[in-house]
N, C-alpha and C. Protein backbone atom coordinates (compact mmCIF):
# COMPACT_ATOMS: atom_id res chain seq x y z
N MET A 1 184.28 63.96 233.20
CA MET A 1 183.35 63.22 232.54
C MET A 1 182.06 64.16 232.10
N GLU A 2 181.73 63.90 230.87
CA GLU A 2 180.55 64.61 230.45
C GLU A 2 179.62 63.69 230.03
N ILE A 3 178.27 63.88 230.51
CA ILE A 3 177.24 62.87 230.02
C ILE A 3 176.14 63.91 229.39
N ILE A 4 175.79 63.64 228.11
CA ILE A 4 174.68 64.39 227.42
C ILE A 4 173.43 63.46 227.17
N ILE A 5 172.45 64.05 227.68
CA ILE A 5 171.06 63.22 227.62
C ILE A 5 170.17 64.22 226.72
N LYS A 6 169.67 63.66 225.66
CA LYS A 6 168.63 64.40 224.93
C LYS A 6 167.29 63.85 225.28
N MET A 7 166.29 64.50 225.74
CA MET A 7 164.96 64.01 226.10
C MET A 7 163.85 65.10 225.57
N GLU A 8 162.89 64.65 225.32
CA GLU A 8 161.66 65.71 225.14
C GLU A 8 161.37 66.22 226.59
N LEU A 9 161.12 67.47 226.58
CA LEU A 9 160.84 68.20 227.85
C LEU A 9 159.28 67.99 228.18
N THR A 10 159.07 66.88 228.95
CA THR A 10 157.70 66.50 229.41
C THR A 10 157.78 66.33 230.94
N GLU A 11 156.67 66.37 231.66
CA GLU A 11 156.54 66.39 233.13
C GLU A 11 157.23 65.11 233.59
N LYS A 12 156.99 63.95 232.68
CA LYS A 12 157.54 62.67 233.03
C LYS A 12 159.15 62.59 233.05
N ASN A 13 159.59 63.16 231.98
CA ASN A 13 161.17 63.21 231.83
C ASN A 13 161.73 64.13 232.68
N LEU A 14 160.98 65.18 233.33
CA LEU A 14 161.52 66.23 234.27
C LEU A 14 161.74 65.46 235.55
N ASP A 15 160.88 64.56 235.86
CA ASP A 15 160.90 63.69 237.10
C ASP A 15 161.99 62.92 237.04
N LYS A 16 162.20 62.19 235.93
CA LYS A 16 163.55 61.37 235.64
C LYS A 16 164.98 62.18 235.90
N LEU A 17 164.76 63.48 235.52
CA LEU A 17 166.05 64.27 235.51
C LEU A 17 166.41 64.64 236.97
N LYS A 18 165.20 64.64 237.78
CA LYS A 18 165.51 64.97 239.24
C LYS A 18 166.60 64.13 239.94
N VAL A 19 166.69 63.01 239.44
CA VAL A 19 167.73 61.98 240.03
C VAL A 19 169.21 62.65 239.91
N PHE A 20 169.38 63.24 238.80
CA PHE A 20 170.76 63.83 238.50
C PHE A 20 171.02 65.23 239.13
N THR A 21 170.04 65.66 239.79
CA THR A 21 170.18 66.99 240.39
C THR A 21 169.83 67.16 241.87
N SER A 22 169.93 66.03 242.37
CA SER A 22 169.51 65.89 243.82
C SER A 22 170.55 66.67 244.72
N ALA A 23 170.25 67.25 245.82
CA ALA A 23 170.91 68.08 246.69
C ALA A 23 171.86 67.29 247.53
N GLU A 24 171.64 65.79 247.62
CA GLU A 24 172.62 65.01 248.34
C GLU A 24 173.93 64.91 247.74
N GLN A 25 174.10 65.12 246.49
CA GLN A 25 175.28 65.01 245.60
C GLN A 25 176.03 66.24 245.88
N GLY A 26 175.61 67.16 246.70
CA GLY A 26 176.44 68.52 246.86
C GLY A 26 176.09 69.45 245.87
N GLU A 27 174.98 69.42 245.11
CA GLU A 27 174.48 70.36 244.20
C GLU A 27 173.38 71.18 244.76
N THR A 28 173.23 72.34 244.41
CA THR A 28 172.17 73.26 244.99
C THR A 28 170.98 72.89 244.11
N GLU A 29 169.76 72.95 244.81
CA GLU A 29 168.58 72.74 244.12
C GLU A 29 168.26 73.70 242.92
N ARG A 30 167.77 73.19 242.00
CA ARG A 30 167.57 74.01 240.78
C ARG A 30 166.07 73.94 240.38
N PRO A 31 165.56 75.11 239.98
CA PRO A 31 163.99 75.28 239.57
C PRO A 31 163.66 74.35 238.72
N VAL A 32 162.63 73.67 238.70
CA VAL A 32 161.99 72.82 237.63
C VAL A 32 161.16 73.63 236.90
N TYR A 33 161.37 73.79 235.60
CA TYR A 33 160.33 74.56 234.60
C TYR A 33 159.39 73.74 234.16
N ALA A 34 158.11 74.45 233.93
CA ALA A 34 156.95 73.60 233.47
C ALA A 34 157.35 73.22 231.94
N ALA A 35 156.82 72.05 231.61
CA ALA A 35 157.06 71.37 230.08
C ALA A 35 156.55 72.53 229.10
N VAL A 36 157.27 72.46 228.02
CA VAL A 36 157.00 73.25 226.91
C VAL A 36 155.91 72.48 226.12
N PRO A 37 154.90 73.01 225.96
CA PRO A 37 153.74 72.44 225.03
C PRO A 37 154.43 72.01 223.64
N GLU A 38 154.04 70.73 223.29
CA GLU A 38 154.25 70.27 222.07
C GLU A 38 153.74 70.89 220.98
N ALA A 39 154.42 71.14 219.83
CA ALA A 39 153.77 71.68 218.60
C ALA A 39 152.79 70.85 218.10
N PRO A 40 151.65 71.31 217.59
CA PRO A 40 150.69 70.44 216.98
C PRO A 40 151.08 69.80 215.65
N GLN A 41 150.91 68.55 215.64
CA GLN A 41 151.21 67.78 214.42
C GLN A 41 150.13 67.67 213.42
N ALA A 42 150.34 67.71 212.26
CA ALA A 42 149.37 67.60 211.27
C ALA A 42 148.85 65.98 211.30
N PRO A 43 147.48 65.95 211.18
CA PRO A 43 146.86 64.49 211.28
C PRO A 43 147.49 63.69 210.29
N ALA A 44 147.87 62.32 210.61
CA ALA A 44 148.30 61.30 209.78
C ALA A 44 147.16 60.94 208.80
N ASP A 45 147.61 60.46 207.75
CA ASP A 45 146.81 59.83 206.86
C ASP A 45 146.35 58.48 207.26
N THR A 46 145.06 58.38 207.80
CA THR A 46 144.58 57.05 208.45
C THR A 46 143.75 56.12 207.54
N SER A 47 143.73 56.53 206.25
CA SER A 47 143.04 55.69 205.23
C SER A 47 143.49 54.28 205.16
N SER A 48 144.73 54.02 205.37
CA SER A 48 145.07 52.63 205.20
C SER A 48 145.62 52.08 206.54
N THR A 49 145.60 52.86 207.66
CA THR A 49 145.99 52.31 208.88
C THR A 49 144.90 51.94 209.75
N PRO A 50 145.06 50.86 210.66
CA PRO A 50 143.84 50.58 211.52
C PRO A 50 143.66 51.57 212.65
N ASP A 51 142.47 51.69 213.31
CA ASP A 51 142.16 52.54 214.34
C ASP A 51 142.99 52.35 215.47
N THR A 52 143.32 51.19 215.96
CA THR A 52 144.20 51.01 216.97
C THR A 52 145.60 50.90 216.61
N PRO A 53 146.51 51.68 217.33
CA PRO A 53 147.99 51.49 216.96
C PRO A 53 148.35 50.05 217.27
N VAL A 54 149.18 49.64 216.33
CA VAL A 54 149.89 48.22 216.49
C VAL A 54 151.36 48.45 217.03
N GLU A 55 151.58 47.93 218.21
CA GLU A 55 152.69 47.88 218.93
C GLU A 55 153.59 46.87 218.39
N PRO A 56 154.85 47.03 218.13
CA PRO A 56 155.81 45.93 217.77
C PRO A 56 155.93 44.99 218.82
N GLU A 57 155.73 43.70 218.55
CA GLU A 57 155.87 42.82 219.52
C GLU A 57 157.39 42.64 220.10
N LYS A 58 157.51 42.59 221.29
CA LYS A 58 158.76 42.47 221.97
C LYS A 58 159.20 41.00 221.92
N GLU A 59 160.54 40.91 221.19
CA GLU A 59 161.13 39.59 221.29
C GLU A 59 161.25 38.93 222.59
N ILE A 60 160.79 37.70 222.85
CA ILE A 60 161.02 37.20 223.97
C ILE A 60 162.31 36.33 224.03
N THR A 61 162.94 36.52 225.17
CA THR A 61 164.33 35.96 225.35
C THR A 61 164.15 34.71 226.22
N LYS A 62 165.27 33.95 226.32
CA LYS A 62 165.39 32.76 227.34
C LYS A 62 165.40 33.25 228.67
N THR A 63 165.89 34.45 228.93
CA THR A 63 165.78 35.19 230.27
C THR A 63 164.59 35.61 230.61
N ASP A 64 163.68 35.99 229.78
CA ASP A 64 162.20 36.27 230.06
C ASP A 64 161.51 34.94 230.44
N ILE A 65 161.69 34.05 229.86
CA ILE A 65 160.95 32.61 230.03
C ILE A 65 161.45 32.10 231.49
N ARG A 66 162.88 32.32 231.62
CA ARG A 66 163.52 31.70 232.78
C ARG A 66 162.80 32.38 233.98
N ALA A 67 162.58 33.84 233.88
CA ALA A 67 162.02 34.48 235.02
C ALA A 67 160.61 34.04 235.39
N VAL A 68 159.74 33.78 234.34
CA VAL A 68 158.40 33.32 234.68
C VAL A 68 158.40 31.76 235.06
N ALA A 69 159.32 31.06 234.57
CA ALA A 69 159.35 29.69 235.02
C ALA A 69 159.71 29.51 236.58
N LEU A 70 160.74 30.39 236.80
CA LEU A 70 161.11 30.62 238.29
C LEU A 70 160.09 30.88 239.17
N LYS A 71 159.27 31.79 238.68
CA LYS A 71 158.09 32.11 239.57
C LYS A 71 157.23 30.84 239.88
N LEU A 72 156.95 30.01 238.78
CA LEU A 72 156.22 28.87 238.90
C LEU A 72 156.78 27.89 239.87
N SER A 73 158.10 27.76 239.73
CA SER A 73 158.82 26.86 240.41
C SER A 73 158.88 27.24 241.88
N LYS A 74 159.14 28.63 242.29
CA LYS A 74 159.15 29.01 243.63
C LYS A 74 157.68 28.91 244.29
N ALA A 75 156.56 29.03 243.37
CA ALA A 75 155.23 28.93 243.90
C ALA A 75 154.80 27.40 244.21
N GLY A 76 155.89 26.54 244.12
CA GLY A 76 155.49 25.09 244.33
C GLY A 76 154.87 24.40 243.25
N LYS A 77 155.01 24.86 242.01
CA LYS A 77 154.14 24.27 240.92
C LYS A 77 155.14 23.64 239.93
N GLN A 78 156.04 22.92 240.30
CA GLN A 78 157.05 22.18 239.67
C GLN A 78 156.32 21.25 238.56
N ASP A 79 155.31 20.61 239.28
CA ASP A 79 154.49 19.80 238.34
C ASP A 79 153.82 20.37 237.12
N VAL A 80 153.35 21.56 237.31
CA VAL A 80 152.56 22.26 236.33
C VAL A 80 153.80 22.66 235.10
N LEU A 81 154.85 23.10 235.75
CA LEU A 81 156.05 23.38 234.83
C LEU A 81 156.48 22.26 234.03
N ALA A 82 156.51 21.19 234.53
CA ALA A 82 156.94 19.93 233.96
C ALA A 82 156.03 19.57 232.94
N GLU A 83 154.72 19.84 233.13
CA GLU A 83 153.73 19.53 232.31
C GLU A 83 153.74 20.44 231.08
N ILE A 84 153.95 21.71 231.21
CA ILE A 84 154.07 22.61 230.13
C ILE A 84 155.32 22.17 229.33
N PHE A 85 156.37 22.08 229.93
CA PHE A 85 157.49 21.66 229.22
C PHE A 85 157.26 20.34 228.28
N LYS A 86 156.59 19.41 228.85
CA LYS A 86 156.26 18.13 228.18
C LYS A 86 155.35 18.53 226.87
N LYS A 87 154.49 19.43 227.00
CA LYS A 87 153.66 19.67 225.94
C LYS A 87 154.55 20.09 224.67
N PHE A 88 155.62 20.76 224.94
CA PHE A 88 156.48 21.09 223.85
C PHE A 88 157.68 20.08 223.50
N GLY A 89 157.53 18.96 224.13
CA GLY A 89 158.45 17.77 223.97
C GLY A 89 159.86 18.07 224.71
N CYS A 90 159.82 18.79 225.75
CA CYS A 90 161.21 19.00 226.45
C CYS A 90 161.03 18.67 227.95
N LYS A 91 162.06 18.56 228.58
CA LYS A 91 162.19 18.09 229.88
C LYS A 91 162.58 19.46 230.85
N LYS A 92 163.40 20.30 230.23
CA LYS A 92 164.01 21.31 231.05
C LYS A 92 164.03 22.58 230.05
N LEU A 93 164.37 23.80 230.69
CA LEU A 93 164.44 24.88 229.79
C LEU A 93 165.49 24.88 228.81
N SER A 94 166.59 24.26 229.11
CA SER A 94 167.82 24.27 228.27
C SER A 94 167.53 23.60 226.91
N ASP A 95 166.47 22.60 227.11
CA ASP A 95 166.01 22.01 225.80
C ASP A 95 165.48 22.99 224.81
N PHE A 96 165.14 24.00 225.08
CA PHE A 96 164.49 25.02 224.34
C PHE A 96 165.65 25.81 223.60
N ASP A 97 166.85 25.71 223.89
CA ASP A 97 167.91 26.57 223.19
C ASP A 97 167.85 26.81 221.82
N SER A 98 167.68 25.62 221.22
CA SER A 98 167.50 25.71 219.69
C SER A 98 166.25 25.95 219.16
N ARG A 99 165.21 25.98 220.01
CA ARG A 99 163.79 26.10 219.51
C ARG A 99 163.21 27.55 219.91
N THR A 100 163.86 28.56 219.54
CA THR A 100 163.57 29.96 219.90
C THR A 100 162.17 30.49 219.28
N GLU A 101 161.74 29.78 218.25
CA GLU A 101 160.53 29.88 217.63
C GLU A 101 159.21 29.53 218.51
N ASP A 102 159.66 28.68 219.61
CA ASP A 102 158.51 28.31 220.41
C ASP A 102 158.40 29.07 221.69
N TYR A 103 159.29 30.20 221.80
CA TYR A 103 159.23 30.96 222.96
C TYR A 103 158.04 31.65 223.09
N PRO A 104 157.46 32.39 222.15
CA PRO A 104 156.09 33.11 222.48
C PRO A 104 154.91 32.22 222.94
N ALA A 105 154.85 30.93 222.40
CA ALA A 105 153.92 29.96 222.76
C ALA A 105 154.20 29.45 224.18
N LEU A 106 155.51 29.23 224.53
CA LEU A 106 155.91 28.66 225.77
C LEU A 106 155.64 29.81 226.80
N MET A 107 155.94 30.92 226.57
CA MET A 107 155.76 32.12 227.39
C MET A 107 154.28 32.28 227.79
N LYS A 108 153.39 32.20 226.60
CA LYS A 108 151.93 32.15 226.91
C LYS A 108 151.54 31.22 227.83
N GLU A 109 151.95 30.01 227.79
CA GLU A 109 151.50 28.94 228.64
C GLU A 109 151.95 29.11 230.12
N LEU A 110 153.21 29.76 230.21
CA LEU A 110 153.87 29.86 231.59
C LEU A 110 153.06 31.01 232.29
N VAL A 111 152.90 32.05 231.52
CA VAL A 111 152.02 33.19 232.08
C VAL A 111 150.58 32.84 232.43
N SER A 112 149.92 32.02 231.76
CA SER A 112 148.61 31.60 232.13
C SER A 112 148.62 30.65 233.32
N ALA A 113 149.64 29.77 233.43
CA ALA A 113 149.93 29.02 234.55
C ALA A 113 150.12 29.84 235.81
N ASN A 114 150.80 30.90 235.77
CA ASN A 114 151.20 31.75 236.89
C ASN A 114 149.85 32.44 237.50
N GLY A 115 148.98 32.71 236.53
CA GLY A 115 147.74 33.34 236.82
C GLY A 115 147.78 34.67 237.18
């Protein structure tokens, strides 16, 4: 089997690659080379872009919400969880299955309740 991984040669990525070259797997240790400095890039035209980079918002899934709700429940805050669901007109998480547009607001409420 052949696995090909393409990565930029940075210190962080070199650390990740060390997992694949461990001596425990019967391989000999190999020298780790210093990262090659990146070529300077031309400055981007910032006349129409904001000063701070805008990160694309990660889509919130039901699994994400379930994980945060579970933290609340395990912390003994079932009543708080029930109140949050009630704000959205629901009694349980499965009631949100067809309401994915409410996921961001629901997640915000759950995270703030978790503290």
